PDB file of N, CA and C in Angstrom:
ATOM      1  N   UNK A   1       9.809  -5.470  -3.477  1.00  0.00           N
ATOM      2  CA  UNK A   1       9.444  -4.765  -2.271  1.00  0.00           C
ATOM      3  C   UNK A   1      10.101  -5.421  -1.092  1.00  0.00           C
ATOM      4  N   UNK A   2      11.285  -4.935  -0.824  1.00  0.00           N
ATOM      5  CA  UNK A   2      12.070  -5.511   0.265  1.00  0.00           C
ATOM      6  C   UNK A   2      11.431  -5.263   1.607  1.00  0.00           C
ATOM      7  N   UNK A   3      11.615  -6.229   2.516  1.00  0.00           N
ATOM      8  CA  UNK A   3      11.196  -6.144   3.916  1.00  0.00           C
ATOM      9  C   UNK A   3       9.699  -5.880   4.017  1.00  0.00           C
ATOM     10  N   UNK A   4       8.864  -6.404   3.093  1.00  0.00           N
ATOM     11  CA  UNK A   4       7.462  -6.369   3.242  1.00  0.00           C
ATOM     12  C   UNK A   4       6.897  -7.837   3.150  1.00  0.00           C
ATOM     13  N   UNK A   5       5.856  -8.056   3.945  1.00  0.00           N
ATOM     14  CA  UNK A   5       5.142  -9.284   3.873  1.00  0.00           C
ATOM     15  C   UNK A   5       3.947  -9.048   2.944  1.00  0.00           C
ATOM     16  N   UNK A   6       3.518 -10.184   2.296  1.00  0.00           N
ATOM     17  CA  UNK A   6       2.330 -10.056   1.368  1.00  0.00           C
ATOM     18  C   UNK A   6       1.472 -11.276   1.549  1.00  0.00           C
ATOM     19  N   UNK A   7       0.162 -11.024   1.695  1.00  0.00           N
ATOM     20  CA  UNK A   7      -0.803 -12.113   1.827  1.00  0.00           C
ATOM     21  C   UNK A   7      -2.193 -11.559   1.431  1.00  0.00           C
ATOM     22  N   UNK A   8      -2.774 -12.277   0.491  1.00  0.00           N
ATOM     23  CA  UNK A   8      -4.119 -11.881  -0.022  1.00  0.00           C
ATOM     24  C   UNK A   8      -4.258 -10.420  -0.345  1.00  0.00           C
ATOM     25  N   UNK A   9      -3.223  -9.968  -1.071  1.00  0.00           N
ATOM     26  CA  UNK A   9      -3.176  -8.573  -1.592  1.00  0.00           C
ATOM     27  C   UNK A   9      -3.117  -7.553  -0.478  1.00  0.00           C
ATOM     28  N   UNK A  10      -2.682  -7.952   0.753  1.00  0.00           N
ATOM     29  CA  UNK A  10      -2.360  -7.025   1.859  1.00  0.00           C
ATOM     30  C   UNK A  10      -0.839  -7.099   2.069  1.00  0.00           C
ATOM     31  N   UNK A  11      -0.325  -5.883   2.452  1.00  0.00           N
ATOM     32  CA  UNK A  11       1.142  -5.803   2.619  1.00  0.00           C
ATOM     33  C   UNK A  11       1.412  -5.373   4.052  1.00  0.00           C
ATOM     34  N   UNK A  12       2.469  -5.902   4.623  1.00  0.00           N
ATOM     35  CA  UNK A  12       2.778  -5.595   5.975  1.00  0.00           C
ATOM     36  C   UNK A  12       4.278  -5.219   6.162  1.00  0.00           C
ATOM     37  N   UNK A  13       4.508  -4.349   7.145  1.00  0.00           N
ATOM     38  CA  UNK A  13       5.881  -3.879   7.459  1.00  0.00           C
ATOM     39  C   UNK A  13       6.566  -4.942   8.290  1.00  0.00           C
ATOM     40  N   UNK A  14       7.871  -4.887   8.301  1.00  0.00           N
ATOM     41  CA  UNK A  14       8.716  -5.784   9.176  1.00  0.00           C
ATOM     42  C   UNK A  14       9.641  -4.829   9.914  1.00  0.00           C
ATOM     43  N   UNK A  15       9.456  -4.846  11.266  1.00  0.00           N
ATOM     44  CA  UNK A  15      10.290  -3.991  12.130  1.00  0.00           C
ATOM     45  C   UNK A  15      10.928  -4.862  13.160  1.00  0.00           C
ATOM     46  N   UNK A  16      11.920  -4.388  13.859  1.00  0.00           N
ATOM     47  CA  UNK A  16      12.674  -5.078  14.940  1.00  0.00           C
ATOM     48  C   UNK A  16      12.684  -4.264  16.170  1.00  0.00           C
ATOM     49  N   UNK A  17      12.331  -4.795  17.320  1.00  0.00           N
ATOM     50  CA  UNK A  17      12.452  -4.196  18.618  1.00  0.00           C
ATOM     51  C   UNK A  17      13.683  -4.781  19.268  1.00  0.00           C
ATOM     52  N   UNK A  18      14.728  -4.028  19.466  1.00  0.00           N
ATOM     53  CA  UNK A  18      15.930  -4.511  20.194  1.00  0.00           C
ATOM     54  C   UNK A  18      15.582  -4.710  21.668  1.00  0.00           C
ATOM     55  N   UNK A  19      14.762  -3.889  22.209  1.00  0.00           N
ATOM     56  CA  UNK A  19      14.346  -4.017  23.644  1.00  0.00           C
ATOM     57  C   UNK A  19      13.670  -5.316  23.911  1.00  0.00           C
ATOM     58  N   UNK A  20      12.738  -5.681  23.036  1.00  0.00           N
ATOM     59  CA  UNK A  20      11.927  -6.942  23.283  1.00  0.00           C
ATOM     60  C   UNK A  20      12.523  -8.085  22.518  1.00  0.00           C
ATOM     61  N   UNK A  21      13.515  -7.925  21.729  1.00  0.00           N
ATOM     62  CA  UNK A  21      14.041  -8.935  20.818  1.00  0.00           C
ATOM     63  C   UNK A  21      12.881  -9.594  20.108  1.00  0.00           C
ATOM     64  N   UNK A  22      12.161  -8.735  19.382  1.00  0.00           N
ATOM     65  CA  UNK A  22      10.890  -9.213  18.700  1.00  0.00           C
ATOM     66  C   UNK A  22      10.776  -8.547  17.409  1.00  0.00           C
ATOM     67  N   UNK A  23      10.277  -9.287  16.430  1.00  0.00           N
ATOM     68  CA  UNK A  23       9.865  -8.731  15.135  1.00  0.00           C
ATOM     69  C   UNK A  23       8.410  -8.328  15.181  1.00  0.00           C
ATOM     70  N   UNK A  24       8.041  -7.263  14.588  1.00  0.00           N
ATOM     71  CA  UNK A  24       6.634  -6.793  14.620  1.00  0.00           C
ATOM     72  C   UNK A  24       6.317  -5.982  13.404  1.00  0.00           C
ATOM     73  N   UNK A  25       5.064  -5.708  13.144  1.00  0.00           N
ATOM     74  CA  UNK A  25       4.688  -4.927  11.989  1.00  0.00           C
ATOM     75  C   UNK A  25       3.261  -4.601  11.967  1.00  0.00           C
ATOM     76  N   UNK A  26       2.843  -3.872  10.935  1.00  0.00           N
ATOM     77  CA  UNK A  26       1.432  -3.550  10.736  1.00  0.00           C
ATOM     78  C   UNK A  26       1.111  -3.612   9.224  1.00  0.00           C
ATOM     79  N   UNK A  27      -0.198  -3.832   8.959  1.00  0.00           N
ATOM     80  CA  UNK A  27      -0.711  -3.879   7.596  1.00  0.00           C
ATOM     81  C   UNK A  27      -0.626  -2.431   7.083  1.00  0.00           C
ATOM     82  N   UNK A  28      -0.103  -2.292   5.858  1.00  0.00           N
ATOM     83  CA  UNK A  28       0.108  -0.964   5.210  1.00  0.00           C
ATOM     84  C   UNK A  28      -1.019  -0.700   4.177  1.00  0.00           C
ATOM     85  N   UNK A  29      -1.287   0.568   3.996  1.00  0.00           N
ATOM     86  CA  UNK A  29      -2.170   0.960   2.887  1.00  0.00           C
ATOM     87  C   UNK A  29      -3.650   0.984   3.212  1.00  0.00           C
ATOM     88  N   UNK A  30      -4.054   0.749   4.484  1.00  0.00           N
ATOM     89  CA  UNK A  30      -5.398   0.817   4.920  1.00  0.00           C
ATOM     90  C   UNK A  30      -5.465   1.646   6.249  1.00  0.00           C
ATOM     91  N   UNK A  31      -6.639   2.112   6.506  1.00  0.00           N
ATOM     92  CA  UNK A  31      -6.826   2.905   7.800  1.00  0.00           C
ATOM     93  C   UNK A  31      -6.915   2.047   9.030  1.00  0.00           C
ATOM     94  N   UNK A  32      -7.538   0.833   8.878  1.00  0.00           N
ATOM     95  CA  UNK A  32      -7.612  -0.043  10.059  1.00  0.00           C
ATOM     96  C   UNK A  32      -6.250  -0.428  10.557  1.00  0.00           C
ATOM     97  N   UNK A  33      -6.158  -0.528  11.848  1.00  0.00           N
ATOM     98  CA  UNK A  33      -4.823  -0.909  12.502  1.00  0.00           C
ATOM     99  C   UNK A  33      -4.878  -2.430  12.653  1.00  0.00           C
ATOM    100  N   UNK A  34      -4.018  -3.128  11.900  1.00  0.00           N
ATOM    101  CA  UNK A  34      -3.857  -4.576  11.932  1.00  0.00           C
ATOM    102  C   UNK A  34      -2.347  -4.822  12.263  1.00  0.00           C
ATOM    103  N   UNK A  35      -2.059  -5.259  13.475  1.00  0.00           N
ATOM    104  CA  UNK A  35      -0.618  -5.480  13.795  1.00  0.00           C
ATOM    105  C   UNK A  35      -0.381  -6.946  14.115  1.00  0.00           C
ATOM    106  N   UNK A  36       0.873  -7.271  14.176  1.00  0.00           N
ATOM    107  CA  UNK A  36       1.289  -8.673  14.375  1.00  0.00           C
ATOM    108  C   UNK A  36       2.712  -8.640  14.890  1.00  0.00           C
ATOM    109  N   UNK A  37       3.123  -9.835  15.413  1.00  0.00           N
ATOM    110  CA  UNK A  37       4.480  -9.971  15.985  1.00  0.00           C
ATOM    111  C   UNK A  37       4.976 -11.372  16.010  1.00  0.00           C
ATOM    112  N   UNK A  38       6.244 -11.594  16.199  1.00  0.00           N
ATOM    113  CA  UNK A  38       6.827 -12.901  16.271  1.00  0.00           C
ATOM    114  C   UNK A  38       8.267 -12.869  16.681  1.00  0.00           C
ATOM    115  N   UNK A  39       8.735 -13.989  17.209  1.00  0.00           N
ATOM    116  CA  UNK A  39      10.125 -14.027  17.589  1.00  0.00           C
ATOM    117  C   UNK A  39      11.026 -14.511  16.509  1.00  0.00           C
ATOM    118  N   UNK A  40      10.451 -15.000  15.427  1.00  0.00           N
ATOM    119  CA  UNK A  40      11.229 -15.430  14.221  1.00  0.00           C
ATOM    120  C   UNK A  40      10.506 -14.932  12.995  1.00  0.00           C
ATOM    121  N   UNK A  41      11.187 -15.021  11.877  1.00  0.00           N
ATOM    122  CA  UNK A  41      10.532 -14.642  10.544  1.00  0.00           C
ATOM    123  C   UNK A  41       9.369 -15.536  10.345  1.00  0.00           C
ATOM    124  N   UNK A  42       9.472 -16.809  10.619  1.00  0.00           N
ATOM    125  CA  UNK A  42       8.341 -17.693  10.377  1.00  0.00           C
ATOM    126  C   UNK A  42       7.118 -17.349  11.270  1.00  0.00           C
ATOM    127  N   UNK A  43       7.401 -17.070  12.554  1.00  0.00           N
ATOM    128  CA  UNK A  43       6.358 -16.675  13.476  1.00  0.00           C
ATOM    129  C   UNK A  43       5.702 -15.318  13.036  1.00  0.00           C
ATOM    130  N   UNK A  44       6.532 -14.392  12.609  1.00  0.00           N
ATOM    131  CA  UNK A  44       5.993 -13.113  12.167  1.00  0.00           C
ATOM    132  C   UNK A  44       5.087 -13.277  10.899  1.00  0.00           C
ATOM    133  N   UNK A  45       5.549 -14.083   9.994  1.00  0.00           N
ATOM    134  CA  UNK A  45       4.754 -14.298   8.816  1.00  0.00           C
ATOM    135  C   UNK A  45       3.360 -14.980   9.105  1.00  0.00           C
ATOM    136  N   UNK A  46       3.492 -15.974  10.027  1.00  0.00           N
ATOM    137  CA  UNK A  46       2.237 -16.668  10.411  1.00  0.00           C
ATOM    138  C   UNK A  46       1.290 -15.714  11.152  1.00  0.00           C
ATOM    139  N   UNK A  47       1.839 -14.870  12.050  1.00  0.00           N
ATOM    140  CA  UNK A  47       0.909 -14.034  12.782  1.00  0.00           C
ATOM    141  C   UNK A  47       0.369 -12.888  11.791  1.00  0.00           C
ATOM    142  N   UNK A  48       1.163 -12.494  10.797  1.00  0.00           N
ATOM    143  CA  UNK A  48       0.649 -11.527   9.793  1.00  0.00           C
ATOM    144  C   UNK A  48      -0.493 -12.165   9.056  1.00  0.00           C
ATOM    145  N   UNK A  49      -0.313 -13.348   8.614  1.00  0.00           N
ATOM    146  CA  UNK A  49      -1.404 -14.040   7.797  1.00  0.00           C
ATOM    147  C   UNK A  49      -2.622 -14.277   8.675  1.00  0.00           C
ATOM    148  N   UNK A  50      -2.410 -14.725   9.938  1.00  0.00           N
ATOM    149  CA  UNK A  50      -3.560 -14.858  10.887  1.00  0.00           C
ATOM    150  C   UNK A  50      -4.294 -13.582  11.086  1.00  0.00           C
ATOM    151  N   UNK A  51      -3.574 -12.480  11.315  1.00  0.00           N
ATOM    152  CA  UNK A  51      -4.197 -11.159  11.497  1.00  0.00           C
ATOM    153  C   UNK A  51      -5.007 -10.713  10.296  1.00  0.00           C
ATOM    154  N   UNK A  52      -4.507 -10.965   9.108  1.00  0.00           N
ATOM    155  CA  UNK A  52      -5.269 -10.625   7.888  1.00  0.00           C
ATOM    156  C   UNK A  52      -6.564 -11.464   7.851  1.00  0.00           C
ATOM    157  N   UNK A  53      -6.418 -12.747   8.142  1.00  0.00           N
ATOM    158  CA  UNK A  53      -7.620 -13.630   8.117  1.00  0.00           C
ATOM    159  C   UNK A  53      -8.654 -13.210   9.140  1.00  0.00           C
ATOM    160  N   UNK A  54      -8.162 -12.878  10.350  1.00  0.00           N
ATOM    161  CA  UNK A  54      -9.107 -12.404  11.408  1.00  0.00           C
ATOM    162  C   UNK A  54      -9.801 -11.170  11.005  1.00  0.00           C
ATOM    163  N   UNK A  55      -9.012 -10.257  10.331  1.00  0.00           N
ATOM    164  CA  UNK A  55      -9.716  -8.964   9.868  1.00  0.00           C
ATOM    165  C   UNK A  55     -10.779  -9.290   8.809  1.00  0.00           C
ATOM    166  N   UNK A  56     -10.460 -10.151   7.830  1.00  0.00           N
ATOM    167  CA  UNK A  56     -11.414 -10.483   6.825  1.00  0.00           C
ATOM    168  C   UNK A  56     -12.680 -11.206   7.364  1.00  0.00           C
ATOM    169  N   UNK A  57     -12.447 -12.063   8.379  1.00  0.00           N
ATOM    170  CA  UNK A  57     -13.569 -12.728   8.967  1.00  0.00           C
ATOM    171  C   UNK A  57     -14.461 -11.763   9.835  1.00  0.00           C
ATOM    172  N   UNK A  58     -13.778 -10.847  10.471  1.00  0.00           N
ATOM    173  CA  UNK A  58     -14.553  -9.807  11.244  1.00  0.00           C
ATOM    174  C   UNK A  58     -15.401  -8.978  10.301  1.00  0.00           C
ATOM    175  N   UNK A  59     -14.777  -8.564   9.130  1.00  0.00           N
ATOM    176  CA  UNK A  59     -15.498  -7.776   8.232  1.00  0.00           C
ATOM    177  C   UNK A  59     -16.762  -8.515   7.697  1.00  0.00           C
ATOM    178  N   UNK A  60     -16.579  -9.857   7.364  1.00  0.00           N
ATOM    179  CA  UNK A  60     -17.649 -10.692   6.909  1.00  0.00           C
ATOM    180  C   UNK A  60     -18.732 -10.810   7.979  1.00  0.00           C
ATOM    181  N   UNK A  61     -18.367 -11.028   9.214  1.00  0.00           N
ATOM    182  CA  UNK A  61     -19.306 -11.227  10.308  1.00  0.00           C
ATOM    183  C   UNK A  61     -20.139  -9.892  10.483  1.00  0.00           C
ATOM    184  N   UNK A  62     -19.464  -8.728  10.413  1.00  0.00           N
ATOM    185  CA  UNK A  62     -20.206  -7.485  10.585  1.00  0.00           C
ATOM    186  C   UNK A  62     -20.774  -6.976   9.343  1.00  0.00           C
ATOM    187  N   UNK A  63     -20.627  -7.661   8.204  1.00  0.00           N
ATOM    188  CA  UNK A  63     -21.312  -7.261   6.969  1.00  0.00           C
ATOM    189  C   UNK A  63     -20.708  -6.011   6.384  1.00  0.00           C
ATOM    190  N   UNK A  64     -19.402  -5.744   6.620  1.00  0.00           N
ATOM    191  CA  UNK A  64     -18.771  -4.608   6.008  1.00  0.00           C
ATOM    192  C   UNK A  64     -17.726  -5.005   4.995  1.00  0.00           C
ATOM    193  N   UNK A  65     -17.494  -4.161   4.015  1.00  0.00           N
ATOM    194  CA  UNK A  65     -16.539  -4.338   2.968  1.00  0.00           C
ATOM    195  C   UNK A  65     -15.098  -4.188   3.539  1.00  0.00           C
ATOM    196  N   UNK A  66     -14.257  -5.132   3.437  1.00  0.00           N
ATOM    197  CA  UNK A  66     -12.871  -4.969   3.889  1.00  0.00           C
ATOM    198  C   UNK A  66     -12.209  -3.826   3.085  1.00  0.00           C
ATOM    199  N   UNK A  67     -11.364  -3.134   3.767  1.00  0.00           N
ATOM    200  CA  UNK A  67     -10.606  -2.085   3.041  1.00  0.00           C
ATOM    201  C   UNK A  67      -9.648  -2.689   2.040  1.00  0.00           C
ATOM    202  N   UNK A  68      -9.565  -2.047   0.951  1.00  0.00           N
ATOM    203  CA  UNK A  68      -8.598  -2.503  -0.130  1.00  0.00           C
ATOM    204  C   UNK A  68      -7.402  -1.671  -0.038  1.00  0.00           C
ATOM    205  N   UNK A  69      -6.213  -2.282  -0.350  1.00  0.00           N
ATOM    206  CA  UNK A  69      -4.987  -1.560  -0.399  1.00  0.00           C
ATOM    207  C   UNK A  69      -4.790  -0.968  -1.819  1.00  0.00           C
ATOM    208  N   UNK A  70      -4.309   0.136  -1.915  1.00  0.00           N
ATOM    209  CA  UNK A  70      -3.903   0.764  -3.194  1.00  0.00           C
ATOM    210  C   UNK A  70      -4.917   0.572  -4.282  1.00  0.00           C
ATOM    211  N   UNK A  71      -6.029   1.361  -4.116  1.00  0.00           N
ATOM    212  CA  UNK A  71      -7.204   1.210  -5.041  1.00  0.00           C
ATOM    213  C   UNK A  71      -6.892   1.891  -6.421  1.00  0.00           C
ATOM    214  N   UNK A  72      -5.771   2.573  -6.534  1.00  0.00           N
ATOM    215  CA  UNK A  72      -5.451   3.183  -7.857  1.00  0.00           C
ATOM    216  C   UNK A  72      -5.882   4.652  -7.893  1.00  0.00           C
ATOM    217  N   UNK A  73      -6.246   5.178  -6.732  1.00  0.00           N
ATOM    218  CA  UNK A  73      -6.660   6.562  -6.726  1.00  0.00           C
ATOM    219  C   UNK A  73      -5.929   7.257  -5.546  1.00  0.00           C
ATOM    220  N   UNK A  74      -5.267   8.345  -5.826  1.00  0.00           N
ATOM    221  CA  UNK A  74      -4.652   9.141  -4.780  1.00  0.00           C
ATOM    222  C   UNK A  74      -4.483  10.592  -5.153  1.00  0.00           C
ATOM    223  N   UNK A  75      -4.352  11.482  -4.258  1.00  0.00           N
ATOM    224  CA  UNK A  75      -4.254  12.854  -4.550  1.00  0.00           C
ATOM    225  C   UNK A  75      -2.717  13.306  -4.417  1.00  0.00           C
ATOM    226  N   UNK A  76      -2.302  14.111  -5.322  1.00  0.00           N
ATOM    227  CA  UNK A  76      -0.956  14.643  -5.180  1.00  0.00           C
ATOM    228  C   UNK A  76      -0.999  16.152  -5.283  1.00  0.00           C
ATOM    229  N   UNK A  77       0.065  16.740  -4.762  1.00  0.00           N
ATOM    230  CA  UNK A  77       0.204  18.202  -4.868  1.00  0.00           C
ATOM    231  C   UNK A  77       1.528  18.503  -5.547  1.00  0.00           C
ATOM    232  N   UNK A  78       1.484  19.351  -6.546  1.00  0.00           N
ATOM    233  CA  UNK A  78       2.645  19.767  -7.281  1.00  0.00           C
ATOM    234  C   UNK A  78       2.659  21.268  -7.436  1.00  0.00           C
ATOM    235  N   UNK A  79       3.780  21.789  -7.725  1.00  0.00           N
ATOM    236  CA  UNK A  79       3.940  23.244  -7.905  1.00  0.00           C
ATOM    237  C   UNK A  79       2.968  23.673  -9.086  1.00  0.00           C
ATOM    238  N   UNK A  80       2.348  24.840  -8.912  1.00  0.00           N
ATOM    239  CA  UNK A  80       1.453  25.294  -9.934  1.00  0.00           C
ATOM    240  C   UNK A  80       2.033  25.295 -11.329  1.00  0.00           C
ATOM    241  N   UNK A  81       3.302  25.652 -11.516  1.00  0.00           N
ATOM    242  CA  UNK A  81       3.878  25.660 -12.885  1.00  0.00           C
ATOM    243  C   UNK A  81       3.911  24.287 -13.511  1.00  0.00           C
ATOM    244  N   UNK A  82       4.162  23.217 -12.691  1.00  0.00           N
ATOM    245  CA  UNK A  82       4.225  21.889 -13.164  1.00  0.00           C
ATOM    246  C   UNK A  82       2.816  21.410 -13.528  1.00  0.00           C
ATOM    247  N   UNK A  83       1.817  21.779 -12.700  1.00  0.00           N
ATOM    248  CA  UNK A  83       0.433  21.411 -12.990  1.00  0.00           C
ATOM    249  C   UNK A  83      -0.041  22.019 -14.346  1.00  0.00           C
ATOM    250  N   UNK A  84       0.354  23.283 -14.546  1.00  0.00           N
ATOM    251  CA  UNK A  84      -0.042  23.942 -15.797  1.00  0.00           C
ATOM    252  C   UNK A  84       0.627  23.313 -16.982  1.00  0.00           C
ATOM    253  N   UNK A  85       1.942  23.035 -16.849  1.00  0.00           N
ATOM    254  CA  UNK A  85       2.722  22.443 -17.938  1.00  0.00           C
ATOM    255  C   UNK A  85       2.146  21.057 -18.318  1.00  0.00           C
ATOM    256  N   UNK A  86       1.868  20.248 -17.274  1.00  0.00           N
ATOM    257  CA  UNK A  86       1.283  18.940 -17.489  1.00  0.00           C
ATOM    258  C   UNK A  86      -0.074  18.978 -18.140  1.00  0.00           C
ATOM    259  N   UNK A  87      -0.925  19.944 -17.695  1.00  0.00           N
ATOM    260  CA  UNK A  87      -2.272  20.079 -18.249  1.00  0.00           C
ATOM    261  C   UNK A  87      -2.156  20.502 -19.763  1.00  0.00           C
ATOM    262  N   UNK A  88      -1.260  21.449 -19.997  1.00  0.00           N
ATOM    263  CA  UNK A  88      -1.106  21.936 -21.405  1.00  0.00           C
ATOM    264  C   UNK A  88      -0.580  20.798 -22.301  1.00  0.00           C
ATOM    265  N   UNK A  89       0.389  20.015 -21.818  1.00  0.00           N
ATOM    266  CA  UNK A  89       0.886  18.930 -22.558  1.00  0.00           C
ATOM    267  C   UNK A  89      -0.227  17.890 -22.857  1.00  0.00           C
ATOM    268  N   UNK A  90      -1.005  17.603 -21.839  1.00  0.00           N
ATOM    269  CA  UNK A  90      -2.095  16.609 -21.972  1.00  0.00           C
ATOM    270  C   UNK A  90      -3.077  17.072 -22.990  1.00  0.00           C
ATOM    271  N   UNK A  91      -3.552  18.325 -22.957  1.00  0.00           N
ATOM    272  CA  UNK A  91      -4.509  18.886 -23.851  1.00  0.00           C
ATOM    273  C   UNK A  91      -3.984  18.817 -25.274  1.00  0.00           C
ATOM    274  N   UNK A  92      -2.701  19.275 -25.421  1.00  0.00           N
ATOM    275  CA  UNK A  92      -2.084  19.317 -26.787  1.00  0.00           C
ATOM    276  C   UNK A  92      -1.986  17.891 -27.415  1.00  0.00           C
ATOM    277  N   UNK A  93      -1.934  16.884 -26.544  1.00  0.00           N
ATOM    278  CA  UNK A  93      -1.822  15.494 -27.074  1.00  0.00           C
ATOM    279  C   UNK A  93      -3.149  14.723 -26.948  1.00  0.00           C
ATOM    280  N   UNK A  94      -4.257  15.500 -26.687  1.00  0.00           N
ATOM    281  CA  UNK A  94      -5.598  14.852 -26.659  1.00  0.00           C
ATOM    282  C   UNK A  94      -5.662  13.735 -25.690  1.00  0.00           C
ATOM    283  N   UNK A  95      -5.131  14.012 -24.559  1.00  0.00           N
ATOM    284  CA  UNK A  95      -5.095  13.071 -23.421  1.00  0.00           C
ATOM    285  C   UNK A  95      -5.633  13.619 -22.151  1.00  0.00           C
ATOM    286  N   UNK A  96      -6.088  12.759 -21.253  1.00  0.00           N
ATOM    287  CA  UNK A  96      -6.484  13.277 -19.969  1.00  0.00           C
ATOM    288  C   UNK A  96      -5.267  13.444 -19.090  1.00  0.00           C
ATOM    289  N   UNK A  97      -5.443  14.260 -18.084  1.00  0.00           N
ATOM    290  CA  UNK A  97      -4.338  14.501 -17.179  1.00  0.00           C
ATOM    291  C   UNK A  97      -3.955  13.202 -16.486  1.00  0.00           C
ATOM    292  N   UNK A  98      -5.017  12.437 -16.145  1.00  0.00           N
ATOM    293  CA  UNK A  98      -4.735  11.186 -15.442  1.00  0.00           C
ATOM    294  C   UNK A  98      -3.936  10.187 -16.321  1.00  0.00           C
ATOM    295  N   UNK A  99      -4.303  10.028 -17.583  1.00  0.00           N
ATOM    296  CA  UNK A  99      -3.541   9.139 -18.418  1.00  0.00           C
ATOM    297  C   UNK A  99      -2.084   9.572 -18.638  1.00  0.00           C
ATOM    298  N   UNK A 100      -1.859  10.904 -18.731  1.00  0.00           N
ATOM    299  CA  UNK A 100      -0.508  11.387 -18.840  1.00  0.00           C
ATOM    300  C   UNK A 100       0.332  11.113 -17.575  1.00  0.00           C
ATOM    301  N   UNK A 101      -0.256  11.292 -16.428  1.00  0.00           N
ATOM    302  CA  UNK A 101       0.409  11.043 -15.208  1.00  0.00           C
ATOM    303  C   UNK A 101       0.700   9.569 -15.040  1.00  0.00           C
ATOM    304  N   UNK A 102      -0.348   8.687 -15.379  1.00  0.00           N
ATOM    305  CA  UNK A 102      -0.195   7.264 -15.263  1.00  0.00           C
ATOM    306  C   UNK A 102       0.990   6.776 -16.129  1.00  0.00           C
ATOM    307  N   UNK A 103       1.054   7.364 -17.397  1.00  0.00           N
ATOM    308  CA  UNK A 103       2.123   6.946 -18.298  1.00  0.00           C
ATOM    309  C   UNK A 103       3.446   7.414 -17.772  1.00  0.00           C
ATOM    310  N   UNK A 104       3.548   8.574 -17.198  1.00  0.00           N
ATOM    311  CA  UNK A 104       4.830   9.090 -16.693  1.00  0.00           C
ATOM    312  C   UNK A 104       5.279   8.228 -15.488  1.00  0.00           C
ATOM    313  N   UNK A 105       4.422   7.846 -14.628  1.00  0.00           N
ATOM    314  CA  UNK A 105       4.737   7.004 -13.446  1.00  0.00           C
ATOM    315  C   UNK A 105       5.206   5.657 -13.946  1.00  0.00           C
ATOM    316  N   UNK A 106       4.503   5.075 -14.909  1.00  0.00           N
ATOM    317  CA  UNK A 106       4.852   3.729 -15.415  1.00  0.00           C
ATOM    318  C   UNK A 106       6.237   3.824 -16.056  1.00  0.00           C
ATOM    319  N   UNK A 107       6.550   4.837 -16.854  1.00  0.00           N
ATOM    320  CA  UNK A 107       7.882   5.063 -17.456  1.00  0.00           C
ATOM    321  C   UNK A 107       8.904   5.189 -16.335  1.00  0.00           C
ATOM    322  N   UNK A 108       8.610   5.973 -15.298  1.00  0.00           N
ATOM    323  CA  UNK A 108       9.596   6.218 -14.279  1.00  0.00           C
ATOM    324  C   UNK A 108       9.957   4.933 -13.518  1.00  0.00           C
ATOM    325  N   UNK A 109       8.939   4.130 -13.287  1.00  0.00           N
ATOM    326  CA  UNK A 109       9.109   2.889 -12.473  1.00  0.00           C
ATOM    327  C   UNK A 109       9.496   1.671 -13.339  1.00  0.00           C
ATOM    328  N   UNK A 110       9.609   1.792 -14.657  1.00  0.00           N
ATOM    329  CA  UNK A 110       9.870   0.653 -15.554  1.00  0.00           C
ATOM    330  C   UNK A 110      11.147  -0.087 -15.204  1.00  0.00           C
ATOM    331  N   UNK A 111      12.189   0.671 -14.864  1.00  0.00           N
ATOM    332  CA  UNK A 111      13.478  -0.005 -14.559  1.00  0.00           C
ATOM    333  C   UNK A 111      13.747  -0.164 -13.081  1.00  0.00           C
ATOM    334  N   UNK A 112      12.771   0.059 -12.228  1.00  0.00           N
ATOM    335  CA  UNK A 112      13.017  -0.015 -10.833  1.00  0.00           C
ATOM    336  C   UNK A 112      12.585  -1.333 -10.254  1.00  0.00           C
TER     337      UNK A 112
END
């Protein structure tokens, strides 16, 4: 995952503002807005990790469950003919639609 920061299973973007001569980003994969900035890669990484820690501490203080990134559940939309073909394939092979899609994704990403 190029150009992403990672800390405690949270991922963050890395952007550059030419105007401000500043690196900045936000935590990806959650609804809460957690942003950070720095003048160097080291500062950006530190501010990212501090922002994640502050978010986790705030959640603990308020007694709420922190949002998790990439829970393994998402909705997709495909053309009806693909949906039908996939469903028929799954049924013919005594598999769930989910397991067929999961296998197809894993196979697609295996060499990436």
